[in-house]
C-alpha atoms as a PDB file:
ATOM      1  CA  MET A   1      -6.438  14.818  12.006  1.00  0.00           C
ATOM      2  CA  THR A   2      -9.718  14.842  13.652  1.00  0.00           C
ATOM      3  CA  THR A   3     -10.794  17.954  10.978  1.00  0.00           C
ATOM      4  CA  LEU A   4      -9.806  15.915   7.938  1.00  0.00           C
ATOM      5  CA  LEU A   5     -12.040  12.784   9.394  1.00  0.00           C
ATOM      6  CA  ARG A   6     -15.039  15.131  10.063  1.00  0.00           C
ATOM      7  CA  ALA A   7     -14.776  16.462   6.699  1.00  0.00           C
ATOM      8  CA  GLU A   8     -14.675  13.083   5.275  1.00  0.00           C
ATOM      9  CA  LEU A   9     -17.677  11.831   7.544  1.00  0.00           C
ATOM     10  CA  LEU A  10     -19.492  14.655   6.125  1.00  0.00           C
ATOM     11  CA  LYS A  11     -18.671  13.978   2.588  1.00  0.00           C
ATOM     12  CA  LEU A  12     -20.304  10.372   3.172  1.00  0.00           C
ATOM     13  CA  ARG A  13     -23.472  12.059   4.907  1.00  0.00           C
ATOM     14  CA  THR A  14     -24.171  13.966   2.318  1.00  0.00           C
ATOM     15  CA  THR A  15     -23.500  11.631  -0.558  1.00  0.00           C
ATOM     16  CA  ARG A  16     -26.675  10.203  -2.614  1.00  0.00           C
ATOM     17  CA  THR A  17     -24.292   7.293  -3.442  1.00  0.00           C
ATOM     18  CA  PHE A  18     -23.827   6.200   0.020  1.00  0.00           C
ATOM     19  CA  ALA A  19     -27.486   6.533   0.983  1.00  0.00           C
ATOM     20  CA  ALA A  20     -28.684   4.227  -2.305  1.00  0.00           C
ATOM     21  CA  LEU A  21     -25.631   1.628  -1.195  1.00  0.00           C
ATOM     22  CA  ALA A  22     -27.031   1.819   2.518  1.00  0.00           C
ATOM     23  CA  GLY A  23     -30.276   1.291   1.433  1.00  0.00           C
ATOM     24  CA  ALA A  24     -29.368  -1.480  -0.687  1.00  0.00           C
ATOM     25  CA  ALA A  25     -27.749  -3.194   2.155  1.00  0.00           C
ATOM     26  CA  ILE A  26     -30.623  -2.795   4.546  1.00  0.00           C
ATOM     27  CA  GLY A  27     -33.038  -4.141   1.951  1.00  0.00           C
ATOM     28  CA  THR A  28     -31.226  -6.754   1.076  1.00  0.00           C
ATOM     29  CA  SER A  29     -30.235  -8.221   4.265  1.00  0.00           C
ATOM     30  CA  LEU A  30     -33.720  -7.546   5.612  1.00  0.00           C
ATOM     31  CA  LEU A  31     -35.643  -9.564   2.489  1.00  0.00           C
ATOM     32  CA  LEU A  32     -32.951 -12.417   3.193  1.00  0.00           C
ATOM     33  CA  ALA A  33     -33.952 -12.830   6.745  1.00  0.00           C
ATOM     34  CA  THR A  34     -37.404 -12.120   6.270  1.00  0.00           C
ATOM     35  CA  LEU A  35     -37.643 -15.184   3.857  1.00  0.00           C
ATOM     36  CA  VAL A  36     -35.754 -17.498   5.646  1.00  0.00           C
ATOM     37  CA  SER A  37     -37.630 -16.719   8.820  1.00  0.00           C
ATOM     38  CA  LEU A  38     -41.061 -17.042   6.911  1.00  0.00           C
ATOM     39  CA  LEU A  39     -40.177 -20.318   4.202  1.00  0.00           C
ATOM     40  CA  THR A  40     -37.896 -22.372   6.498  1.00  0.00           C
ATOM     41  CA  GLU A  41     -38.221 -23.553  10.099  1.00  0.00           C
ATOM     42  CA  PRO A  42     -34.365 -22.942  11.783  1.00  0.00           C
ATOM     43  CA  GLU A  43     -33.524 -25.050  14.548  1.00  0.00           C
ATOM     44  CA  ARG A  44     -32.260 -23.637  17.825  1.00  0.00           C
ATOM     45  CA  GLU A  45     -28.567 -24.658  17.112  1.00  0.00           C
ATOM     46  CA  SER A  46     -28.768 -22.769  13.752  1.00  0.00           C
ATOM     47  CA  VAL A  47     -31.017 -19.926  13.618  1.00  0.00           C
ATOM     48  CA  LEU A  48     -28.239 -17.445  14.525  1.00  0.00           C
ATOM     49  CA  ILE A  49     -26.631 -18.095  11.582  1.00  0.00           C
ATOM     50  CA  ASP A  50     -29.602 -18.819   9.413  1.00  0.00           C
ATOM     51  CA  VAL A  51     -31.720 -16.031   9.704  1.00  0.00           C
ATOM     52  CA  PHE A  52     -29.344 -13.269  12.195  1.00  0.00           C
ATOM     53  CA  ALA A  53     -26.436 -13.520   9.856  1.00  0.00           C
ATOM     54  CA  SER A  54     -27.961 -12.088   7.024  1.00  0.00           C
ATOM     55  CA  ASP A  55     -25.804  -8.945   6.842  1.00  0.00           C
ATOM     56  CA  THR A  56     -24.684  -7.864   3.346  1.00  0.00           C
ATOM     57  CA  SER A  57     -23.392  -4.581   4.237  1.00  0.00           C
ATOM     58  CA  ALA A  58     -19.909  -5.880   4.310  1.00  0.00           C
ATOM     59  CA  VAL A  59     -19.958  -6.213   0.480  1.00  0.00           C
ATOM     60  CA  PHE A  60     -21.783  -2.803  -0.152  1.00  0.00           C
ATOM     61  CA  ILE A  61     -19.376  -1.045   1.857  1.00  0.00           C
ATOM     62  CA  VAL A  62     -16.386  -2.420   0.215  1.00  0.00           C
ATOM     63  CA  VAL A  63     -18.000  -1.109  -2.985  1.00  0.00           C
ATOM     64  CA  LEU A  64     -18.964   2.288  -1.759  1.00  0.00           C
ATOM     65  CA  ALA A  65     -14.993   2.690  -0.080  1.00  0.00           C
ATOM     66  CA  ILE A  66     -14.034   2.126  -3.718  1.00  0.00           C
ATOM     67  CA  VAL A  67     -16.209   4.495  -5.041  1.00  0.00           C
ATOM     68  CA  GLY A  68     -15.543   7.218  -2.684  1.00  0.00           C
ATOM     69  CA  ILE A  69     -11.221   7.109  -2.814  1.00  0.00           C
ATOM     70  CA  SER A  70     -11.439   6.162  -6.496  1.00  0.00           C
ATOM     71  CA  GLY A  71     -14.013   8.654  -7.100  1.00  0.00           C
ATOM     72  CA  GLU A  72     -11.580  11.697  -5.967  1.00  0.00           C
ATOM     73  CA  TRP A  73      -9.875  10.987  -9.311  1.00  0.00           C
ATOM     74  CA  ARG A  74     -12.732  10.425 -11.553  1.00  0.00           C
ATOM     75  CA  HIS A  75     -14.408  13.676 -10.739  1.00  0.00           C
ATOM     76  CA  ARG A  76     -10.615  15.537 -10.490  1.00  0.00           C
ATOM     77  CA  THR A  77     -11.355  16.478  -6.680  1.00  0.00           C
ATOM     78  CA  ILE A  78      -8.043  15.214  -5.693  1.00  0.00           C
ATOM     79  CA  ALA A  79      -6.114  17.979  -6.036  1.00  0.00           C
ATOM     80  CA  SER A  80      -8.254  20.248  -3.858  1.00  0.00           C
ATOM     81  CA  ALA A  81      -8.594  17.465  -1.301  1.00  0.00           C
ATOM     82  CA  LEU A  82      -4.543  17.371  -1.025  1.00  0.00           C
ATOM     83  CA  LEU A  83      -4.467  21.020  -1.097  1.00  0.00           C
ATOM     84  CA  ALA A  84      -6.644  21.140   1.986  1.00  0.00           C
ATOM     85  CA  ALA A  85      -4.778  18.223   3.304  1.00  0.00           C
ATOM     86  CA  PRO A  86      -1.231  18.069   2.344  1.00  0.00           C
ATOM     87  CA  ASP A  87       0.023  15.197   4.119  1.00  0.00           C
ATOM     88  CA  ARG A  88      -1.003  12.165   2.196  1.00  0.00           C
ATOM     89  CA  LEU A  89      -0.717   9.846   4.866  1.00  0.00           C
ATOM     90  CA  ARG A  90      -2.978  11.317   7.190  1.00  0.00           C
ATOM     91  CA  PHE A  91      -5.424  12.110   3.994  1.00  0.00           C
ATOM     92  CA  LEU A  92      -5.474   8.377   3.364  1.00  0.00           C
ATOM     93  CA  ALA A  93      -5.817   7.606   6.876  1.00  0.00           C
ATOM     94  CA  ALA A  94      -8.803   9.653   7.551  1.00  0.00           C
ATOM     95  CA  LYS A  95     -10.359   8.323   4.636  1.00  0.00           C
ATOM     96  CA  THR A  96      -9.786   4.912   5.926  1.00  0.00           C
ATOM     97  CA  LEU A  97     -11.185   5.598   9.176  1.00  0.00           C
ATOM     98  CA  ALA A  98     -14.481   7.634   8.090  1.00  0.00           C
ATOM     99  CA  PHE A  99     -15.302   4.101   5.910  1.00  0.00           C
ATOM    100  CA  ALA A 100     -14.333   2.083   8.690  1.00  0.00           C
ATOM    101  CA  ALA A 101     -16.919   3.725  10.895  1.00  0.00           C
ATOM    102  CA  ALA A 102     -19.722   4.068   8.395  1.00  0.00           C
ATOM    103  CA  GLY A 103     -18.792  -0.141   7.587  1.00  0.00           C
ATOM    104  CA  SER A 104     -19.565  -0.503  11.390  1.00  0.00           C
ATOM    105  CA  ALA A 105     -22.520   2.205  11.315  1.00  0.00           C
ATOM    106  CA  LEU A 106     -24.572   0.208   8.342  1.00  0.00           C
ATOM    107  CA  SER A 107     -23.910  -3.149   9.900  1.00  0.00           C
ATOM    108  CA  LEU A 108     -25.340  -2.025  12.883  1.00  0.00           C
ATOM    109  CA  ALA A 109     -28.350  -0.212  10.973  1.00  0.00           C
ATOM    110  CA  VAL A 110     -28.628  -3.650   9.138  1.00  0.00           C
ATOM    111  CA  ALA A 111     -28.496  -5.839  12.505  1.00  0.00           C
ATOM    112  CA  ILE A 112     -31.210  -3.966  14.003  1.00  0.00           C
ATOM    113  CA  ALA A 113     -33.581  -4.465  11.037  1.00  0.00           C
ATOM    114  CA  VAL A 114     -32.931  -7.923  10.549  1.00  0.00           C
ATOM    115  CA  ALA A 115     -33.512  -8.434  14.572  1.00  0.00           C
ATOM    116  CA  VAL A 116     -36.951  -6.667  14.338  1.00  0.00           C
ATOM    117  CA  ALA A 117     -37.871  -8.834  11.552  1.00  0.00           C
ATOM    118  CA  GLY A 118     -36.434 -11.863  12.369  1.00  0.00           C
ATOM    119  CA  PHE A 119     -37.099 -11.849  16.009  1.00  0.00           C
ATOM    120  CA  ALA A 120     -41.038 -11.132  15.258  1.00  0.00           C
ATOM    121  CA  ILE A 121     -41.648 -13.463  12.833  1.00  0.00           C
ATOM    122  CA  LEU A 122     -40.121 -16.311  14.793  1.00  0.00           C
ATOM    123  CA  SER A 123     -42.003 -15.775  17.564  1.00  0.00           C
ATOM    124  CA  ALA A 124     -44.879 -15.422  15.556  1.00  0.00           C
ATOM    125  CA  ARG A 125     -44.371 -18.949  14.298  1.00  0.00           C
ATOM    126  CA  ASP A 126     -43.227 -20.251  17.653  1.00  0.00           C
ATOM    127  CA  LEU A 127     -39.638 -20.878  16.352  1.00  0.00           C
ATOM    128  CA  PRO A 128     -36.925 -20.951  18.697  1.00  0.00           C
ATOM    129  CA  THR A 129     -34.739 -17.392  18.515  1.00  0.00           C
ATOM    130  CA  PRO A 130     -31.344 -16.851  19.902  1.00  0.00           C
ATOM    131  CA  ASP A 131     -30.538 -15.692  23.007  1.00  0.00           C
ATOM    132  CA  VAL A 132     -30.007 -11.905  23.468  1.00  0.00           C
ATOM    133  CA  ASP A 133     -26.484 -12.010  24.212  1.00  0.00           C
ATOM    134  CA  GLU A 134     -25.507 -14.532  21.292  1.00  0.00           C
ATOM    135  CA  TRP A 135     -26.649 -11.964  19.190  1.00  0.00           C
ATOM    136  CA  ALA A 136     -25.227  -9.061  20.156  1.00  0.00           C
ATOM    137  CA  ALA A 137     -21.979 -10.668  20.521  1.00  0.00           C
ATOM    138  CA  GLN A 138     -22.617 -11.508  16.407  1.00  0.00           C
ATOM    139  CA  VAL A 139     -23.745  -8.129  16.058  1.00  0.00           C
ATOM    140  CA  VAL A 140     -20.361  -7.044  17.276  1.00  0.00           C
ATOM    141  CA  ARG A 141     -18.273  -9.570  14.913  1.00  0.00           C
ATOM    142  CA  LEU A 142     -20.386  -8.632  12.120  1.00  0.00           C
ATOM    143  CA  ALA A 143     -20.130  -4.809  12.613  1.00  0.00           C
ATOM    144  CA  LEU A 144     -16.027  -5.362  13.011  1.00  0.00           C
ATOM    145  CA  MET A 145     -15.946  -7.089   9.587  1.00  0.00           C
ATOM    146  CA  ALA A 146     -18.144  -4.624   8.062  1.00  0.00           C
ATOM    147  CA  ALA A 147     -15.527  -1.995   9.164  1.00  0.00           C
ATOM    148  CA  LEU A 148     -12.560  -3.796   7.900  1.00  0.00           C
ATOM    149  CA  GLY A 149     -14.508  -4.107   4.860  1.00  0.00           C
ATOM    150  CA  GLY A 150     -14.515  -0.103   4.674  1.00  0.00           C
ATOM    151  CA  ALA A 151     -11.169   0.242   5.327  1.00  0.00           C
ATOM    152  CA  PHE A 152      -9.881  -2.302   2.646  1.00  0.00           C
ATOM    153  CA  GLY A 153     -11.905  -0.970   0.313  1.00  0.00           C
ATOM    154  CA  VAL A 154     -10.225   2.451   0.483  1.00  0.00           C
ATOM    155  CA  ALA A 155      -6.800   0.847   0.266  1.00  0.00           C
ATOM    156  CA  LEU A 156      -8.253  -0.730  -2.985  1.00  0.00           C
ATOM    157  CA  GLY A 157      -9.434   1.982  -4.537  1.00  0.00           C
ATOM    158  CA  ALA A 158      -6.320   4.466  -3.795  1.00  0.00           C
ATOM    159  CA  LEU A 159      -4.381   1.424  -5.365  1.00  0.00           C
ATOM    160  CA  VAL A 160      -6.664   1.067  -8.534  1.00  0.00           C
ATOM    161  CA  ARG A 161      -7.839   4.117  -9.663  1.00  0.00           C
ATOM    162  CA  ASN A 162     -10.492   3.296 -12.072  1.00  0.00           C
ATOM    163  CA  GLN A 163     -13.897   2.852 -10.339  1.00  0.00           C
ATOM    164  CA  VAL A 164     -15.129   0.113 -12.668  1.00  0.00           C
ATOM    165  CA  ILE A 165     -11.928  -2.266 -12.844  1.00  0.00           C
ATOM    166  CA  ALA A 166     -11.996  -1.857  -8.964  1.00  0.00           C
ATOM    167  CA  VAL A 167     -15.206  -2.438  -8.260  1.00  0.00           C
ATOM    168  CA  VAL A 168     -15.811  -5.185 -10.958  1.00  0.00           C
ATOM    169  CA  GLY A 169     -12.070  -6.958  -9.734  1.00  0.00           C
ATOM    170  CA  VAL A 170     -13.153  -7.382  -6.037  1.00  0.00           C
ATOM    171  CA  LEU A 171     -17.155  -8.722  -6.907  1.00  0.00           C
ATOM    172  CA  MET A 172     -15.153 -11.148  -9.279  1.00  0.00           C
ATOM    173  CA  ALA A 173     -12.538 -11.944  -6.464  1.00  0.00           C
ATOM    174  CA  SER A 174     -15.518 -12.528  -3.903  1.00  0.00           C
ATOM    175  CA  PHE A 175     -18.087 -14.073  -6.039  1.00  0.00           C
ATOM    176  CA  ALA A 176     -15.891 -16.542  -8.494  1.00  0.00           C
ATOM    177  CA  VAL A 177     -11.824 -16.166  -8.110  1.00  0.00           C
ATOM    178  CA  GLU A 178     -11.678 -16.836  -4.094  1.00  0.00           C
ATOM    179  CA  PRO A 179     -14.587 -19.502  -3.800  1.00  0.00           C
ATOM    180  CA  VAL A 180     -12.580 -21.226  -6.491  1.00  0.00           C
ATOM    181  CA  LEU A 181      -9.606 -21.617  -4.632  1.00  0.00           C
ATOM    182  CA  ILE A 182     -11.259 -22.440  -1.304  1.00  0.00           C
ATOM    183  CA  SER A 183     -12.805 -25.484  -3.777  1.00  0.00           C
ATOM    184  CA  LEU A 184      -9.904 -26.493  -5.668  1.00  0.00           C
ATOM    185  CA  VAL A 185      -6.977 -25.346  -3.195  1.00  0.00           C
ATOM    186  CA  PRO A 186      -8.495 -24.782   0.380  1.00  0.00           C
ATOM    187  CA  GLU A 187      -5.005 -24.544   1.839  1.00  0.00           C
ATOM    188  CA  VAL A 188      -4.432 -21.335   0.004  1.00  0.00           C
ATOM    189  CA  GLY A 189      -7.905 -20.286  -0.300  1.00  0.00           C
ATOM    190  CA  ARG A 190      -8.683 -20.018   3.093  1.00  0.00           C
ATOM    191  CA  PHE A 191      -6.313 -16.968   3.306  1.00  0.00           C
ATOM    192  CA  GLY A 192      -8.477 -15.085   1.056  1.00  0.00           C
ATOM    193  CA  PRO A 193      -9.368 -11.622   2.090  1.00  0.00           C
ATOM    194  CA  PHE A 194     -12.996 -11.356   0.599  1.00  0.00           C
ATOM    195  CA  VAL A 195     -15.014 -14.465   1.419  1.00  0.00           C
ATOM    196  CA  ALA A 196     -12.982 -17.149   3.753  1.00  0.00           C
ATOM    197  CA  LEU A 197     -10.939 -14.503   6.252  1.00  0.00           C
ATOM    198  CA  PRO A 198     -14.197 -12.713   6.705  1.00  0.00           C
ATOM    199  CA  THR A 199     -16.746 -15.946   7.281  1.00  0.00           C
ATOM    200  CA  ALA A 200     -14.026 -17.411   9.842  1.00  0.00           C
ATOM    201  CA  ALA A 201     -13.129 -13.735  11.871  1.00  0.00           C
ATOM    202  CA  ALA A 202     -17.389 -13.704  11.876  1.00  0.00           C
ATOM    203  CA  ASP A 203     -17.272 -17.047  13.892  1.00  0.00           C
ATOM    204  CA  ILE A 204     -19.747 -18.349  10.949  1.00  0.00           C
ATOM    205  CA  PRO A 205     -19.039 -22.450  10.047  1.00  0.00           C
ATOM    206  CA  ALA A 206     -17.564 -23.080   6.685  1.00  0.00           C
ATOM    207  CA  ALA A 207     -20.167 -25.136   5.828  1.00  0.00           C
ATOM    208  CA  ASP A 208     -23.266 -22.207   6.523  1.00  0.00           C
ATOM    209  CA  ALA A 209     -21.641 -20.282   4.527  1.00  0.00           C
ATOM    210  CA  GLY A 210     -21.522 -22.051   1.765  1.00  0.00           C
ATOM    211  CA  LEU A 211     -17.950 -22.739   1.578  1.00  0.00           C
ATOM    212  CA  GLY A 212     -17.944 -26.695   2.074  1.00  0.00           C
ATOM    213  CA  ASP A 213     -15.765 -28.577   4.655  1.00  0.00           C
ATOM    214  CA  VAL A 214     -12.586 -26.446   4.461  1.00  0.00           C
ATOM    215  CA  ALA A 215     -10.913 -25.823   7.717  1.00  0.00           C
ATOM    216  CA  LEU A 216     -11.018 -21.891   8.316  1.00  0.00           C
ATOM    217  CA  LEU A 217      -8.578 -20.056  10.696  1.00  0.00           C
ATOM    218  CA  SER A 218      -9.979 -19.177  13.970  1.00  0.00           C
ATOM    219  CA  PRO A 219     -11.605 -15.875  14.412  1.00  0.00           C
ATOM    220  CA  VAL A 220      -8.766 -14.213  16.396  1.00  0.00           C
ATOM    221  CA  LEU A 221      -6.126 -15.769  13.745  1.00  0.00           C
ATOM    222  CA  ALA A 222      -8.395 -14.681  10.794  1.00  0.00           C
ATOM    223  CA  THR A 223      -8.825 -11.001  12.426  1.00  0.00           C
ATOM    224  CA  LEU A 224      -5.143 -10.692  12.375  1.00  0.00           C
ATOM    225  CA  VAL A 225      -4.497 -11.831   8.733  1.00  0.00           C
ATOM    226  CA  LEU A 226      -7.121  -9.898   7.492  1.00  0.00           C
ATOM    227  CA  LEU A 227      -5.526  -6.873   9.059  1.00  0.00           C
ATOM    228  CA  ALA A 228      -2.133  -7.782   7.255  1.00  0.00           C
ATOM    229  CA  TRP A 229      -4.114  -7.776   4.357  1.00  0.00           C
ATOM    230  CA  ILE A 230      -5.534  -4.357   5.092  1.00  0.00           C
ATOM    231  CA  GLY A 231      -2.153  -3.098   6.605  1.00  0.00           C
ATOM    232  CA  ALA A 232      -0.062  -4.209   3.599  1.00  0.00           C
ATOM    233  CA  ALA A 233      -2.690  -2.402   1.134  1.00  0.00           C
ATOM    234  CA  PHE A 234      -2.858   0.694   3.175  1.00  0.00           C
ATOM    235  CA  ALA A 235       1.027   1.078   2.854  1.00  0.00           C
ATOM    236  CA  ALA A 236       1.412   0.324  -0.895  1.00  0.00           C
ATOM    237  CA  ALA A 237      -1.818   2.992  -1.294  1.00  0.00           C
ATOM    238  CA  VAL A 238       0.246   5.415   0.503  1.00  0.00           C
ATOM    239  CA  VAL A 239       3.680   4.897  -1.324  1.00  0.00           C
ATOM    240  CA  LEU A 240       1.917   5.286  -4.594  1.00  0.00           C
ATOM    241  CA  LEU A 241      -0.116   8.301  -3.506  1.00  0.00           C
ATOM    242  CA  ARG A 242       2.768   9.938  -2.609  1.00  0.00           C
ATOM    243  CA  ARG A 243       4.640   9.270  -5.753  1.00  0.00           C
ATOM    244  CA  ARG A 244       1.477  10.289  -7.777  1.00  0.00           C
ATOM    245  CA  ASP A 245       1.294  13.652  -9.584  1.00  0.00           C
ATOM    246  CA  VAL A 246      -2.476  14.724  -9.116  1.00  0.00           C
ATOM    247  CA  GLU A 247      -4.400  17.146 -11.095  1.00  0.00           C
END
C-alpha cells in the first residue's frame, strides 16, 4: 500500500495539470482575500470568515481528483496501472489517500498565501485581524474539507469515467442544483455534499456563505454525514471497478 501511495503522489507531483490547478486555486484565493482586505473594512467578529476563509482549494481538488482517476481510462493507462496493482480496492484506496493528501497540502498553501496578504494589508490599514489560534483552527478545518474533497472526487471520477460529464456534473451540482435545493427545500439541501455539508463542517455561518438563513448541521455532524457520502461513493466505485473490463 505504501508503494502504491508513493507512486500516486509521484504522479501528482509530476503532472502539469496539478501544477496548473494548484496555481489557479492559490491565485483565485489570494485575489479574493486581497480585494476584500483592500476594498472593505471587516469587523473583528467577521474578519476571520470575510478574509481568511477565501479558500477555493476544495473546488479545485475535487476537479483534479476527477481528472486524475478518469484520466486513467481516457489515456488508456488503467490496464497498466491495474497490472502493477491487481487489487482494485488497494488501487482506488491509494488514489483516494493521495488526492486527500494533495487537497490538504493545497489548502495549507492557500492558507499561507492568504494569511501573508491578509495580515499585511489589514495591519497596514489599522483594521482588526483574527487571533492566531482562531486562524490556525480555521486552517485545520479548511484543510480537512479539502482532503475530503479530494477523496470524494476520486470516488466520483471512478463512478463516472467520462471526464467532461463528471466535471460538469460536479460544477452544476455545486453552483446550481444544490444552491437551489438549499433555497427551496432547505431540510433536504442542507445534506448536500458539495456546498451545505462542507460549509457546515468548516464552521462557516450559512449567511456568510451566501446560503441565507438555512439551519446547517453542526460541524461534527456535517463531517460525519460528508464521510458517509464519501464512503458510499467509494464503495460503489470499488464494486464497479471490480466488475469492469479494462483495456
